[in-house]
PDB file of N, CA and C in Angstrom:
ATOM      1  N   MET A   1       0.826  -1.186   0.000  1.00  0.00           N
ATOM      2  CA  MET A   1       0.000   0.000   0.000  1.00  0.00           C
ATOM      3  C   MET A   1       0.871   1.250   0.000  1.00  0.00           C
ATOM      4  N   PHE A   2       1.855   1.289   0.899  1.00  0.00           N
ATOM      5  CA  PHE A   2       2.734   2.459   0.994  1.00  0.00           C
ATOM      6  C   PHE A   2       3.467   2.687  -0.317  1.00  0.00           C
ATOM      7  N   GLN A   3       3.923   1.603  -0.946  1.00  0.00           N
ATOM      8  CA  GLN A   3       4.710   1.726  -2.163  1.00  0.00           C
ATOM      9  C   GLN A   3       3.891   2.299  -3.310  1.00  0.00           C
ATOM     10  N   LYS A   4       2.605   2.005  -3.355  1.00  0.00           N
ATOM     11  CA  LYS A   4       1.755   2.558  -4.400  1.00  0.00           C
ATOM     12  C   LYS A   4       1.480   4.036  -4.152  1.00  0.00           C
ATOM     13  N   ASN A   5       1.269   4.408  -2.900  1.00  0.00           N
ATOM     14  CA  ASN A   5       0.854   5.764  -2.569  1.00  0.00           C
ATOM     15  C   ASN A   5       2.008   6.742  -2.406  1.00  0.00           C
ATOM     16  N   PHE A   6       3.216   6.263  -2.118  1.00  0.00           N
ATOM     17  CA  PHE A   6       4.327   7.159  -1.854  1.00  0.00           C
ATOM     18  C   PHE A   6       4.646   8.067  -3.046  1.00  0.00           C
ATOM     19  N   PRO A   7       4.769   7.531  -4.285  1.00  0.00           N
ATOM     20  CA  PRO A   7       5.017   8.432  -5.412  1.00  0.00           C
ATOM     21  C   PRO A   7       3.894   9.444  -5.583  1.00  0.00           C
ATOM     22  N   THR A   8       2.651   9.046  -5.306  1.00  0.00           N
ATOM     23  CA  THR A   8       1.528   9.963  -5.411  1.00  0.00           C
ATOM     24  C   THR A   8       1.672  11.109  -4.419  1.00  0.00           C
ATOM     25  N   LEU A   9       2.136  10.819  -3.206  1.00  0.00           N
ATOM     26  CA  LEU A   9       2.346  11.874  -2.215  1.00  0.00           C
ATOM     27  C   LEU A   9       3.352  12.889  -2.722  1.00  0.00           C
ATOM     28  N   LEU A  10       4.429  12.426  -3.313  1.00  0.00           N
ATOM     29  CA  LEU A  10       5.459  13.325  -3.828  1.00  0.00           C
ATOM     30  C   LEU A  10       4.943  14.132  -5.012  1.00  0.00           C
ATOM     31  N   GLU A  11       4.184  13.488  -5.904  1.00  0.00           N
ATOM     32  CA  GLU A  11       3.637  14.184  -7.068  1.00  0.00           C
ATOM     33  C   GLU A  11       2.680  15.290  -6.662  1.00  0.00           C
ATOM     34  N   LYS A  12       1.950  15.090  -5.578  1.00  0.00           N
ATOM     35  CA  LYS A  12       0.982  16.095  -5.122  1.00  0.00           C
ATOM     36  C   LYS A  12       1.629  17.193  -4.281  1.00  0.00           C
ATOM     37  N   GLY A  13       2.941  17.073  -4.053  1.00  0.00           N
ATOM     38  CA  GLY A  13       3.642  18.110  -3.317  1.00  0.00           C
ATOM     39  C   GLY A  13       3.467  18.021  -1.810  1.00  0.00           C
ATOM     40  N   ILE A  14       3.065  16.880  -1.305  1.00  0.00           N
ATOM     41  CA  ILE A  14       2.893  16.711   0.135  1.00  0.00           C
ATOM     42  C   ILE A  14       4.272  16.554   0.775  1.00  0.00           C
ATOM     43  N   GLU A  15       4.521  17.319   1.810  1.00  0.00           N
ATOM     44  CA  GLU A  15       5.821  17.333   2.496  1.00  0.00           C
ATOM     45  C   GLU A  15       6.026  16.028   3.255  1.00  0.00           C
ATOM     46  N   VAL A  16       7.062  15.270   2.888  1.00  0.00           N
ATOM     47  CA  VAL A  16       7.348  14.005   3.546  1.00  0.00           C
ATOM     48  C   VAL A  16       8.733  13.987   4.199  1.00  0.00           C
ATOM     49  N   LYS A  17       9.478  15.083   4.112  1.00  0.00           N
ATOM     50  CA  LYS A  17      10.838  15.119   4.653  1.00  0.00           C
ATOM     51  C   LYS A  17      10.870  14.797   6.147  1.00  0.00           C
ATOM     52  N   LYS A  18       9.958  15.377   6.915  1.00  0.00           N
ATOM     53  CA  LYS A  18       9.940  15.111   8.359  1.00  0.00           C
ATOM     54  C   LYS A  18       9.655  13.641   8.641  1.00  0.00           C
ATOM     55  N   LEU A  19       8.790  13.032   7.854  1.00  0.00           N
ATOM     56  CA  LEU A  19       8.488  11.619   8.025  1.00  0.00           C
ATOM     57  C   LEU A  19       9.717  10.769   7.708  1.00  0.00           C
ATOM     58  N   LEU A  20      10.394  11.074   6.603  1.00  0.00           N
ATOM     59  CA  LEU A  20      11.561  10.293   6.198  1.00  0.00           C
ATOM     60  C   LEU A  20      12.726  10.475   7.161  1.00  0.00           C
ATOM     61  N   ASP A  21      12.831  11.636   7.809  1.00  0.00           N
ATOM     62  CA  ASP A  21      13.897  11.894   8.777  1.00  0.00           C
ATOM     63  C   ASP A  21      13.541  11.422  10.187  1.00  0.00           C
ATOM     64  N   SER A  22      12.323  10.982  10.393  1.00  0.00           N
ATOM     65  CA  SER A  22      11.860  10.606  11.725  1.00  0.00           C
ATOM     66  C   SER A  22      12.393   9.243  12.141  1.00  0.00           C
ATOM     67  N   HIS A  23      12.060   8.858  13.364  1.00  0.00           N
ATOM     68  CA  HIS A  23      12.458   7.542  13.874  1.00  0.00           C
ATOM     69  C   HIS A  23      11.657   6.406  13.227  1.00  0.00           C
ATOM     70  N   VAL A  24      10.685   6.755  12.416  1.00  0.00           N
ATOM     71  CA  VAL A  24       9.936   5.732  11.692  1.00  0.00           C
ATOM     72  C   VAL A  24      10.857   5.031  10.696  1.00  0.00           C
ATOM     73  N   PHE A  25      11.727   5.803  10.017  1.00  0.00           N
ATOM     74  CA  PHE A  25      12.605   5.238   8.996  1.00  0.00           C
ATOM     75  C   PHE A  25      14.068   5.202   9.405  1.00  0.00           C
ATOM     76  N   ASN A  26      14.478   5.967  10.389  1.00  0.00           N
ATOM     77  CA  ASN A  26      15.864   5.977  10.851  1.00  0.00           C
ATOM     78  C   ASN A  26      15.916   5.417  12.259  1.00  0.00           C
ATOM     79  N   TYR A  27      16.556   4.280  12.384  1.00  0.00           N
ATOM     80  CA  TYR A  27      16.596   3.571  13.656  1.00  0.00           C
ATOM     81  C   TYR A  27      18.023   3.528  14.174  1.00  0.00           C
ATOM     82  N   GLU A  28      18.248   4.074  15.354  1.00  0.00           N
ATOM     83  CA  GLU A  28      19.559   3.978  15.992  1.00  0.00           C
ATOM     84  C   GLU A  28      19.616   2.686  16.776  1.00  0.00           C
ATOM     85  N   PHE A  29      20.733   1.962  16.633  1.00  0.00           N
ATOM     86  CA  PHE A  29      20.833   0.666  17.296  1.00  0.00           C
ATOM     87  C   PHE A  29      22.171   0.530  18.007  1.00  0.00           C
ATOM     88  N   ASP A  30      22.194  -0.341  18.981  1.00  0.00           N
ATOM     89  CA  ASP A  30      23.393  -0.645  19.756  1.00  0.00           C
ATOM     90  C   ASP A  30      23.408  -2.155  19.968  1.00  0.00           C
ATOM     91  N   LEU A  31      24.342  -2.818  19.305  1.00  0.00           N
ATOM     92  CA  LEU A  31      24.429  -4.274  19.399  1.00  0.00           C
ATOM     93  C   LEU A  31      25.695  -4.658  20.146  1.00  0.00           C
ATOM     94  N   ASP A  32      25.600  -5.632  21.018  1.00  0.00           N
ATOM     95  CA  ASP A  32      26.768  -6.085  21.780  1.00  0.00           C
ATOM     96  C   ASP A  32      27.875  -6.604  20.875  1.00  0.00           C
ATOM     97  N   GLU A  33      27.506  -7.152  19.725  1.00  0.00           N
ATOM     98  CA  GLU A  33      28.480  -7.722  18.801  1.00  0.00           C
ATOM     99  C   GLU A  33      29.224  -6.650  17.992  1.00  0.00           C
ATOM    100  N   TRP A  34      28.757  -5.425  18.010  1.00  0.00           N
ATOM    101  CA  TRP A  34      29.371  -4.334  17.259  1.00  0.00           C
ATOM    102  C   TRP A  34      30.152  -3.455  18.227  1.00  0.00           C
ATOM    103  N   PRO A  35      31.336  -2.975  17.838  1.00  0.00           N
ATOM    104  CA  PRO A  35      32.121  -2.130  18.755  1.00  0.00           C
ATOM    105  C   PRO A  35      31.397  -0.823  19.073  1.00  0.00           C
ATOM    106  N   SER A  36      31.597  -0.329  20.287  1.00  0.00           N
ATOM    107  CA  SER A  36      30.946   0.923  20.687  1.00  0.00           C
ATOM    108  C   SER A  36      31.913   2.102  20.663  1.00  0.00           C
ATOM    109  N   THR A  37      33.202   1.834  20.545  1.00  0.00           N
ATOM    110  CA  THR A  37      34.200   2.901  20.442  1.00  0.00           C
ATOM    111  C   THR A  37      35.203   2.559  19.348  1.00  0.00           C
ATOM    112  N   HIS A  38      35.803   3.622  18.807  1.00  0.00           N
ATOM    113  CA  HIS A  38      36.813   3.428  17.768  1.00  0.00           C
ATOM    114  C   HIS A  38      37.680   4.667  17.694  1.00  0.00           C
ATOM    115  N   ASN A  39      38.798   4.563  16.986  1.00  0.00           N
ATOM    116  CA  ASN A  39      39.688   5.714  16.861  1.00  0.00           C
ATOM    117  C   ASN A  39      39.480   6.464  15.552  1.00  0.00           C
ATOM    118  N   ASN A  40      38.528   6.065  14.744  1.00  0.00           N
ATOM    119  CA  ASN A  40      38.224   6.743  13.485  1.00  0.00           C
ATOM    120  C   ASN A  40      37.072   7.727  13.710  1.00  0.00           C
ATOM    121  N   PRO A  41      37.312   9.046  13.573  1.00  0.00           N
ATOM    122  CA  PRO A  41      36.257  10.027  13.835  1.00  0.00           C
ATOM    123  C   PRO A  41      35.351  10.299  12.632  1.00  0.00           C
ATOM    124  N   GLN A  42      35.655   9.723  11.478  1.00  0.00           N
ATOM    125  CA  GLN A  42      34.901  10.009  10.253  1.00  0.00           C
ATOM    126  C   GLN A  42      33.538   9.327  10.248  1.00  0.00           C
ATOM    127  N   GLU A  43      32.550  10.013   9.681  1.00  0.00           N
ATOM    128  CA  GLU A  43      31.230   9.422   9.499  1.00  0.00           C
ATOM    129  C   GLU A  43      31.291   8.507   8.281  1.00  0.00           C
ATOM    130  N   GLU A  44      30.720   7.330   8.394  1.00  0.00           N
ATOM    131  CA  GLU A  44      30.727   6.342   7.316  1.00  0.00           C
ATOM    132  C   GLU A  44      29.294   5.985   6.946  1.00  0.00           C
ATOM    133  N   LEU A  45      29.050   5.841   5.673  1.00  0.00           N
ATOM    134  CA  LEU A  45      27.747   5.420   5.172  1.00  0.00           C
ATOM    135  C   LEU A  45      27.966   4.125   4.398  1.00  0.00           C
ATOM    136  N   ARG A  46      27.349   3.054   4.860  1.00  0.00           N
ATOM    137  CA  ARG A  46      27.562   1.736   4.269  1.00  0.00           C
ATOM    138  C   ARG A  46      26.239   1.055   3.967  1.00  0.00           C
ATOM    139  N   PRO A  47      26.184   0.290   2.859  1.00  0.00           N
ATOM    140  CA  PRO A  47      24.956  -0.456   2.564  1.00  0.00           C
ATOM    141  C   PRO A  47      24.906  -1.778   3.330  1.00  0.00           C
ATOM    142  N   PHE A  48      23.714  -2.209   3.619  1.00  0.00           N
ATOM    143  CA  PHE A  48      23.479  -3.548   4.159  1.00  0.00           C
ATOM    144  C   PHE A  48      22.219  -4.065   3.478  1.00  0.00           C
ATOM    145  N   ASN A  49      22.376  -4.971   2.545  1.00  0.00           N
ATOM    146  CA  ASN A  49      21.262  -5.417   1.719  1.00  0.00           C
ATOM    147  C   ASN A  49      20.752  -6.794   2.082  1.00  0.00           C
ATOM    148  N   GLN A  50      21.030  -7.225   3.284  1.00  0.00           N
ATOM    149  CA  GLN A  50      20.545  -8.529   3.707  1.00  0.00           C
ATOM    150  C   GLN A  50      19.393  -8.347   4.684  1.00  0.00           C
ATOM    151  N   ASN A  51      18.952  -9.439   5.213  1.00  0.00           N
ATOM    152  CA  ASN A  51      17.845  -9.440   6.160  1.00  0.00           C
ATOM    153  C   ASN A  51      18.194  -8.596   7.380  1.00  0.00           C
ATOM    154  N   LEU A  52      17.333  -7.657   7.712  1.00  0.00           N
ATOM    155  CA  LEU A  52      17.534  -6.761   8.857  1.00  0.00           C
ATOM    156  C   LEU A  52      17.725  -7.526  10.161  1.00  0.00           C
ATOM    157  N   PHE A  53      17.075  -8.664  10.301  1.00  0.00           N
ATOM    158  CA  PHE A  53      17.148  -9.436  11.536  1.00  0.00           C
ATOM    159  C   PHE A  53      18.482 -10.160  11.701  1.00  0.00           C
ATOM    160  N   LEU A  54      19.309 -10.164  10.648  1.00  0.00           N
ATOM    161  CA  LEU A  54      20.626 -10.791  10.704  1.00  0.00           C
ATOM    162  C   LEU A  54      21.751  -9.776  10.888  1.00  0.00           C
ATOM    163  N   LEU A  55      21.417  -8.512  11.016  1.00  0.00           N
ATOM    164  CA  LEU A  55      22.410  -7.449  11.125  1.00  0.00           C
ATOM    165  C   LEU A  55      23.399  -7.683  12.267  1.00  0.00           C
ATOM    166  N   ARG A  56      22.934  -8.263  13.342  1.00  0.00           N
ATOM    167  CA  ARG A  56      23.744  -8.490  14.547  1.00  0.00           C
ATOM    168  C   ARG A  56      25.082  -9.163  14.241  1.00  0.00           C
ATOM    169  N   GLN A  57      25.103 -10.113  13.320  1.00  0.00           N
ATOM    170  CA  GLN A  57      26.324 -10.875  13.028  1.00  0.00           C
ATOM    171  C   GLN A  57      27.155 -10.301  11.880  1.00  0.00           C
ATOM    172  N   HIS A  58      26.822  -9.133  11.360  1.00  0.00           N
ATOM    173  CA  HIS A  58      27.452  -8.674  10.126  1.00  0.00           C
ATOM    174  C   HIS A  58      28.322  -7.425  10.245  1.00  0.00           C
ATOM    175  N   TYR A  59      28.921  -7.160  11.390  1.00  0.00           N
ATOM    176  CA  TYR A  59      29.808  -5.999  11.495  1.00  0.00           C
ATOM    177  C   TYR A  59      30.963  -6.109  10.501  1.00  0.00           C
ATOM    178  N   LYS A  60      31.599  -7.270  10.444  1.00  0.00           N
ATOM    179  CA  LYS A  60      32.765  -7.438   9.557  1.00  0.00           C
ATOM    180  C   LYS A  60      32.369  -7.504   8.085  1.00  0.00           C
ATOM    181  N   THR A  61      31.116  -7.779   7.794  1.00  0.00           N
ATOM    182  CA  THR A  61      30.636  -7.723   6.418  1.00  0.00           C
ATOM    183  C   THR A  61      30.437  -6.270   5.995  1.00  0.00           C
ATOM    184  N   VAL A  62      29.881  -5.465   6.883  1.00  0.00           N
ATOM    185  CA  VAL A  62      29.619  -4.060   6.590  1.00  0.00           C
ATOM    186  C   VAL A  62      30.916  -3.246   6.622  1.00  0.00           C
ATOM    187  N   PHE A  63      31.813  -3.564   7.539  1.00  0.00           N
ATOM    188  CA  PHE A  63      33.087  -2.848   7.690  1.00  0.00           C
ATOM    189  C   PHE A  63      34.257  -3.828   7.573  1.00  0.00           C
ATOM    190  N   PRO A  64      34.593  -4.297   6.361  1.00  0.00           N
ATOM    191  CA  PRO A  64      35.627  -5.321   6.213  1.00  0.00           C
ATOM    192  C   PRO A  64      37.062  -4.799   6.261  1.00  0.00           C
ATOM    193  N   GLU A  65      37.282  -3.499   6.106  1.00  0.00           N
ATOM    194  CA  GLU A  65      38.631  -2.946   6.028  1.00  0.00           C
ATOM    195  C   GLU A  65      39.372  -3.045   7.362  1.00  0.00           C
ATOM    196  N   ASP A  66      40.708  -3.144   7.270  1.00  0.00           N
ATOM    197  CA  ASP A  66      41.548  -3.233   8.471  1.00  0.00           C
ATOM    198  C   ASP A  66      41.369  -2.036   9.394  1.00  0.00           C
ATOM    199  N   GLU A  67      41.101  -0.862   8.830  1.00  0.00           N
ATOM    200  CA  GLU A  67      40.968   0.331   9.672  1.00  0.00           C
ATOM    201  C   GLU A  67      39.746   0.289  10.584  1.00  0.00           C
ATOM    202  N   PHE A  68      38.823  -0.637  10.331  1.00  0.00           N
ATOM    203  CA  PHE A  68      37.617  -0.756  11.158  1.00  0.00           C
ATOM    204  C   PHE A  68      37.652  -1.964  12.083  1.00  0.00           C
ATOM    205  N   ILE A  69      38.804  -2.582  12.213  1.00  0.00           N
ATOM    206  CA  ILE A  69      38.923  -3.683  13.165  1.00  0.00           C
ATOM    207  C   ILE A  69      38.644  -3.137  14.563  1.00  0.00           C
ATOM    208  N   PRO A  70      37.799  -3.793  15.344  1.00  0.00           N
ATOM    209  CA  PRO A  70      37.507  -3.305  16.699  1.00  0.00           C
ATOM    210  C   PRO A  70      38.780  -3.139  17.525  1.00  0.00           C
ATOM    211  N   LEU A  71      38.790  -2.150  18.408  1.00  0.00           N
ATOM    212  CA  LEU A  71      39.977  -1.831  19.202  1.00  0.00           C
ATOM    213  C   LEU A  71      40.508  -3.033  19.975  1.00  0.00           C
ATOM    214  N   ASP A  72      39.628  -3.842  20.534  1.00  0.00           N
ATOM    215  CA  ASP A  72      40.095  -4.990  21.316  1.00  0.00           C
ATOM    216  C   ASP A  72      40.711  -6.091  20.445  1.00  0.00           C
ATOM    217  N   GLU A  73      40.442  -6.091  19.137  1.00  0.00           N
ATOM    218  CA  GLU A  73      41.035  -7.079  18.235  1.00  0.00           C
ATOM    219  C   GLU A  73      42.311  -6.572  17.560  1.00  0.00           C
ATOM    220  N   GLN A  74      42.580  -5.272  17.654  1.00  0.00           N
ATOM    221  CA  GLN A  74      43.753  -4.716  16.969  1.00  0.00           C
ATOM    222  C   GLN A  74      45.062  -5.272  17.522  1.00  0.00           C
ATOM    223  N   LYS A  75      45.097  -5.567  18.793  1.00  0.00           N
ATOM    224  CA  LYS A  75      46.320  -6.092  19.413  1.00  0.00           C
ATOM    225  C   LYS A  75      46.649  -7.481  18.885  1.00  0.00           C
ATOM    226  N   THR A  76      45.625  -8.306  18.680  1.00  0.00           N
ATOM    227  CA  THR A  76      45.857  -9.682  18.242  1.00  0.00           C
ATOM    228  C   THR A  76      46.125  -9.798  16.738  1.00  0.00           C
ATOM    229  N   THR A  77      45.660  -8.809  15.942  1.00  0.00           N
ATOM    230  CA  THR A  77      45.841  -8.900  14.490  1.00  0.00           C
ATOM    231  C   THR A  77      47.142  -8.254  14.028  1.00  0.00           C
ATOM    232  N   GLY A  78      47.780  -7.463  14.877  1.00  0.00           N
ATOM    233  CA  GLY A  78      49.037  -6.820  14.504  1.00  0.00           C
ATOM    234  C   GLY A  78      48.859  -5.559  13.687  1.00  0.00           C
ATOM    235  N   VAL A  79      47.628  -5.077  13.540  1.00  0.00           N
ATOM    236  CA  VAL A  79      47.378  -3.842  12.795  1.00  0.00           C
ATOM    237  C   VAL A  79      47.796  -2.661  13.661  1.00  0.00           C
ATOM    238  N   LYS A  80      48.619  -1.765  13.106  1.00  0.00           N
ATOM    239  CA  LYS A  80      49.090  -0.586  13.837  1.00  0.00           C
ATOM    240  C   LYS A  80      48.140   0.585  13.576  1.00  0.00           C
ATOM    241  N   VAL A  81      47.460   1.025  14.638  1.00  0.00           N
ATOM    242  CA  VAL A  81      46.524   2.135  14.542  1.00  0.00           C
ATOM    243  C   VAL A  81      46.745   3.049  15.735  1.00  0.00           C
ATOM    244  N   ASP A  82      46.627   4.355  15.504  1.00  0.00           N
ATOM    245  CA  ASP A  82      46.797   5.329  16.581  1.00  0.00           C
ATOM    246  C   ASP A  82      45.598   5.270  17.525  1.00  0.00           C
ATOM    247  N   ASN A  83      45.825   4.899  18.772  1.00  0.00           N
ATOM    248  CA  ASN A  83      44.756   4.805  19.770  1.00  0.00           C
ATOM    249  C   ASN A  83      44.802   5.933  20.788  1.00  0.00           C
ATOM    250  N   SER A  84      45.433   7.064  20.431  1.00  0.00           N
ATOM    251  CA  SER A  84      45.541   8.161  21.393  1.00  0.00           C
ATOM    252  C   SER A  84      44.196   8.846  21.633  1.00  0.00           C
ATOM    253  N   LYS A  85      43.280   8.816  20.658  1.00  0.00           N
ATOM    254  CA  LYS A  85      41.931   9.354  20.828  1.00  0.00           C
ATOM    255  C   LYS A  85      40.932   8.264  20.474  1.00  0.00           C
ATOM    256  N   VAL A  86      39.926   8.131  21.313  1.00  0.00           N
ATOM    257  CA  VAL A  86      38.890   7.127  21.079  1.00  0.00           C
ATOM    258  C   VAL A  86      37.544   7.842  21.042  1.00  0.00           C
ATOM    259  N   TYR A  87      36.705   7.468  20.076  1.00  0.00           N
ATOM    260  CA  TYR A  87      35.409   8.116  19.864  1.00  0.00           C
ATOM    261  C   TYR A  87      34.277   7.111  20.058  1.00  0.00           C
ATOM    262  N   LYS A  88      33.161   7.614  20.560  1.00  0.00           N
ATOM    263  CA  LYS A  88      31.950   6.807  20.718  1.00  0.00           C
ATOM    264  C   LYS A  88      31.312   6.641  19.347  1.00  0.00           C
ATOM    265  N   ILE A  89      30.897   5.436  19.018  1.00  0.00           N
ATOM    266  CA  ILE A  89      30.263   5.154  17.738  1.00  0.00           C
ATOM    267  C   ILE A  89      28.746   5.170  17.920  1.00  0.00           C
ATOM    268  N   ARG A  90      28.073   5.814  16.967  1.00  0.00           N
ATOM    269  CA  ARG A  90      26.607   5.808  16.939  1.00  0.00           C
ATOM    270  C   ARG A  90      26.191   5.190  15.606  1.00  0.00           C
ATOM    271  N   TYR A  91      25.483   4.102  15.676  1.00  0.00           N
ATOM    272  CA  TYR A  91      25.014   3.407  14.480  1.00  0.00           C
ATOM    273  C   TYR A  91      23.552   3.755  14.238  1.00  0.00           C
ATOM    274  N   SER A  92      23.218   3.985  12.984  1.00  0.00           N
ATOM    275  CA  SER A  92      21.813   4.171  12.635  1.00  0.00           C
ATOM    276  C   SER A  92      21.540   3.440  11.326  1.00  0.00           C
ATOM    277  N   LEU A  93      20.319   3.031  11.163  1.00  0.00           N
ATOM    278  CA  LEU A  93      19.906   2.234  10.025  1.00  0.00           C
ATOM    279  C   LEU A  93      18.739   2.917   9.344  1.00  0.00           C
ATOM    280  N   ASN A  94      18.829   3.080   8.024  1.00  0.00           N
ATOM    281  CA  ASN A  94      17.738   3.647   7.249  1.00  0.00           C
ATOM    282  C   ASN A  94      16.825   2.494   6.836  1.00  0.00           C
ATOM    283  N   LEU A  95      15.601   2.502   7.324  1.00  0.00           N
ATOM    284  CA  LEU A  95      14.663   1.413   7.092  1.00  0.00           C
ATOM    285  C   LEU A  95      13.811   1.583   5.841  1.00  0.00           C
ATOM    286  N   LEU A  96      13.942   2.705   5.168  1.00  0.00           N
ATOM    287  CA  LEU A  96      13.094   2.971   4.005  1.00  0.00           C
ATOM    288  C   LEU A  96      13.202   1.907   2.917  1.00  0.00           C
ATOM    289  N   PRO A  97      14.399   1.426   2.546  1.00  0.00           N
ATOM    290  CA  PRO A  97      14.452   0.417   1.476  1.00  0.00           C
ATOM    291  C   PRO A  97      13.729  -0.882   1.807  1.00  0.00           C
ATOM    292  N   SER A  98      13.577  -1.208   3.074  1.00  0.00           N
ATOM    293  CA  SER A  98      12.938  -2.473   3.444  1.00  0.00           C
ATOM    294  C   SER A  98      11.513  -2.289   3.929  1.00  0.00           C
ATOM    295  N   ILE A  99      10.872  -1.197   3.551  1.00  0.00           N
ATOM    296  CA  ILE A  99       9.533  -0.899   4.073  1.00  0.00           C
ATOM    297  C   ILE A  99       8.500  -1.941   3.652  1.00  0.00           C
ATOM    298  N   GLY A 100       8.720  -2.615   2.528  1.00  0.00           N
ATOM    299  CA  GLY A 100       7.761  -3.623   2.090  1.00  0.00           C
ATOM    300  C   GLY A 100       7.936  -4.971   2.759  1.00  0.00           C
ATOM    301  N   THR A 101       9.056  -5.184   3.440  1.00  0.00           N
ATOM    302  CA  THR A 101       9.339  -6.468   4.077  1.00  0.00           C
ATOM    303  C   THR A 101       8.715  -6.522   5.463  1.00  0.00           C
ATOM    304  N   TYR A 102       8.105  -7.634   5.778  1.00  0.00           N
ATOM    305  CA  TYR A 102       7.538  -7.789   7.115  1.00  0.00           C
ATOM    306  C   TYR A 102       7.614  -9.250   7.544  1.00  0.00           C
ATOM    307  N   LEU A 103       7.518  -9.464   8.841  1.00  0.00           N
ATOM    308  CA  LEU A 103       7.579 -10.797   9.422  1.00  0.00           C
ATOM    309  C   LEU A 103       6.150 -11.307   9.601  1.00  0.00           C
ATOM    310  N   HIS A 104       5.871 -12.469   9.020  1.00  0.00           N
ATOM    311  CA  HIS A 104       4.529 -13.046   9.067  1.00  0.00           C
ATOM    312  C   HIS A 104       4.564 -14.334   9.882  1.00  0.00           C
ATOM    313  N   LYS A 105       3.675 -14.437  10.852  1.00  0.00           N
ATOM    314  CA  LYS A 105       3.605 -15.639  11.689  1.00  0.00           C
ATOM    315  C   LYS A 105       2.472 -16.522  11.199  1.00  0.00           C
ATOM    316  N   GLU A 106       2.786 -17.794  11.099  1.00  0.00           N
ATOM    317  CA  GLU A 106       1.795 -18.774  10.670  1.00  0.00           C
ATOM    318  C   GLU A 106       1.756 -19.920  11.678  1.00  0.00           C
ATOM    319  N   THR A 107       0.580 -20.481  11.892  1.00  0.00           N
ATOM    320  CA  THR A 107       0.415 -21.628  12.784  1.00  0.00           C
ATOM    321  C   THR A 107      -0.001 -22.825  11.951  1.00  0.00           C
ATOM    322  N   ASP A 108       0.747 -23.896  12.071  1.00  0.00           N
ATOM    323  CA  ASP A 108       0.419 -25.129  11.359  1.00  0.00           C
ATOM    324  C   ASP A 108      -0.864 -25.684  11.968  1.00  0.00           C
ATOM    325  N   PRO A 109      -1.893 -25.908  11.155  1.00  0.00           N
ATOM    326  CA  PRO A 109      -3.171 -26.369  11.708  1.00  0.00           C
ATOM    327  C   PRO A 109      -3.112 -27.769  12.327  1.00  0.00           C
ATOM    328  N   TYR A 110      -2.123 -28.566  11.930  1.00  0.00           N
ATOM    329  CA  TYR A 110      -2.036 -29.930  12.443  1.00  0.00           C
ATOM    330  C   TYR A 110      -1.165 -30.024  13.694  1.00  0.00           C
ATOM    331  N   THR A 111       0.014 -29.396  13.640  1.00  0.00           N
ATOM    332  CA  THR A 111       0.938 -29.502  14.776  1.00  0.00           C
ATOM    333  C   THR A 111       0.770 -28.369  15.771  1.00  0.00           C
ATOM    334  N   LYS A 112       0.069 -27.329  15.369  1.00  0.00           N
ATOM    335  CA  LYS A 112      -0.150 -26.131  16.203  1.00  0.00           C
ATOM    336  C   LYS A 112       1.156 -25.379  16.504  1.00  0.00           C
ATOM    337  N   GLN A 113       2.216 -25.677  15.719  1.00  0.00           N
ATOM    338  CA  GLN A 113       3.481 -24.971  15.890  1.00  0.00           C
ATOM    339  C   GLN A 113       3.429 -23.653  15.122  1.00  0.00           C
ATOM    340  N   GLU A 114       3.979 -22.623  15.758  1.00  0.00           N
ATOM    341  CA  GLU A 114       4.013 -21.307  15.116  1.00  0.00           C
ATOM    342  C   GLU A 114       5.371 -21.099  14.460  1.00  0.00           C
ATOM    343  N   THR A 115       5.360 -20.659  13.222  1.00  0.00           N
ATOM    344  CA  THR A 115       6.598 -20.342  12.509  1.00  0.00           C
ATOM    345  C   THR A 115       6.517 -18.921  11.983  1.00  0.00           C
ATOM    346  N   SER A 116       7.678 -18.318  11.789  1.00  0.00           N
ATOM    347  CA  SER A 116       7.750 -16.970  11.245  1.00  0.00           C
ATOM    348  C   SER A 116       8.521 -16.996   9.937  1.00  0.00           C
ATOM    349  N   CYS A 117       8.051 -16.226   8.984  1.00  0.00           N
ATOM    350  CA  CYS A 117       8.769 -16.119   7.717  1.00  0.00           C
ATOM    351  C   CYS A 117       8.663 -14.680   7.215  1.00  0.00           C
ATOM    352  N   LEU A 118       9.664 -14.278   6.444  1.00  0.00           N
ATOM    353  CA  LEU A 118       9.667 -12.938   5.876  1.00  0.00           C
ATOM    354  C   LEU A 118       8.849 -12.909   4.600  1.00  0.00           C
ATOM    355  N   LYS A 119       8.097 -11.849   4.429  1.00  0.00           N
ATOM    356  CA  LYS A 119       7.309 -11.640   3.221  1.00  0.00           C
ATOM    357  C   LYS A 119       7.827 -10.386   2.530  1.00  0.00           C
ATOM    358  N   ASN A 120       7.733 -10.374   1.209  1.00  0.00           N
ATOM    359  CA  ASN A 120       8.118  -9.228   0.376  1.00  0.00           C
ATOM    360  C   ASN A 120       9.589  -8.870   0.462  1.00  0.00           C
ATOM    361  N   GLU A 121      10.464  -9.839   0.651  1.00  0.00           N
ATOM    362  CA  GLU A 121      11.905  -9.543   0.714  1.00  0.00           C
ATOM    363  C   GLU A 121      12.417  -8.979  -0.601  1.00  0.00           C
ATOM    364  N   ASP A 122      11.769  -9.330  -1.707  1.00  0.00           N
ATOM    365  CA  ASP A 122      12.247  -8.888  -3.008  1.00  0.00           C
ATOM    366  C   ASP A 122      11.825  -7.460  -3.369  1.00  0.00           C
ATOM    367  N   ILE A 123      11.020  -6.824  -2.534  1.00  0.00           N
ATOM    368  CA  ILE A 123      10.571  -5.462  -2.812  1.00  0.00           C
ATOM    369  C   ILE A 123      11.571  -4.466  -2.236  1.00  0.00           C
ATOM    370  N   ASN A 124      12.038  -3.555  -3.073  1.00  0.00           N
ATOM    371  CA  ASN A 124      13.009  -2.558  -2.652  1.00  0.00           C
ATOM    372  C   ASN A 124      12.594  -1.219  -3.231  1.00  0.00           C
ATOM    373  N   LEU A 125      12.324  -0.228  -2.405  1.00  0.00           N
ATOM    374  CA  LEU A 125      11.882   1.073  -2.871  1.00  0.00           C
ATOM    375  C   LEU A 125      12.962   1.828  -3.626  1.00  0.00           C
ATOM    376  N   LEU A 126      14.225   1.476  -3.429  1.00  0.00           N
ATOM    377  CA  LEU A 126      15.307   2.196  -4.086  1.00  0.00           C
ATOM    378  C   LEU A 126      15.654   1.615  -5.448  1.00  0.00           C
ATOM    379  N   ALA A 127      15.117   0.471  -5.774  1.00  0.00           N
ATOM    380  CA  ALA A 127      15.434  -0.174  -7.067  1.00  0.00           C
ATOM    381  C   ALA A 127      14.627   0.421  -8.191  1.00  0.00           C
TER     382      ALA A 127
END
C-alpha cells in the first residue's frame, strides 16, 4: 500500500521530509556484537542489503577494512593504529528500502506450531 501511494504523495507536493527523517525510517541501534568505540572520527555510510534481523552478526561484512577492526582485536591482528583518541560510535539504520518487508507468523493447523517467515523480501523502494 505504501509503495503505491508514496510516489503519489510526492507528485501532489505533500511534504514528507519530516516523516523520512523521523524515527519511523531511521533507527539507531546498539548491538553487543558491534564495537561501541573506535579511533576513526569520520562518518561512514555503508549499505546492508541482507535481512535486517541478521544485522547483529554482520559488522565485519559491513566494515571489512583493516581500519575498522575493533579496538580490542587490533592487538591480536598486529594492525598498527593510533589509539591516542577514542570516539563513541553511533550506528543508525535507514529502514526505508525495506519498508515492504515484514515478518509473518503462521500456525500449522495440524501440529499447532508457530513459525515466522519474511514476506516481500524482493521489494526494494530504491530499485
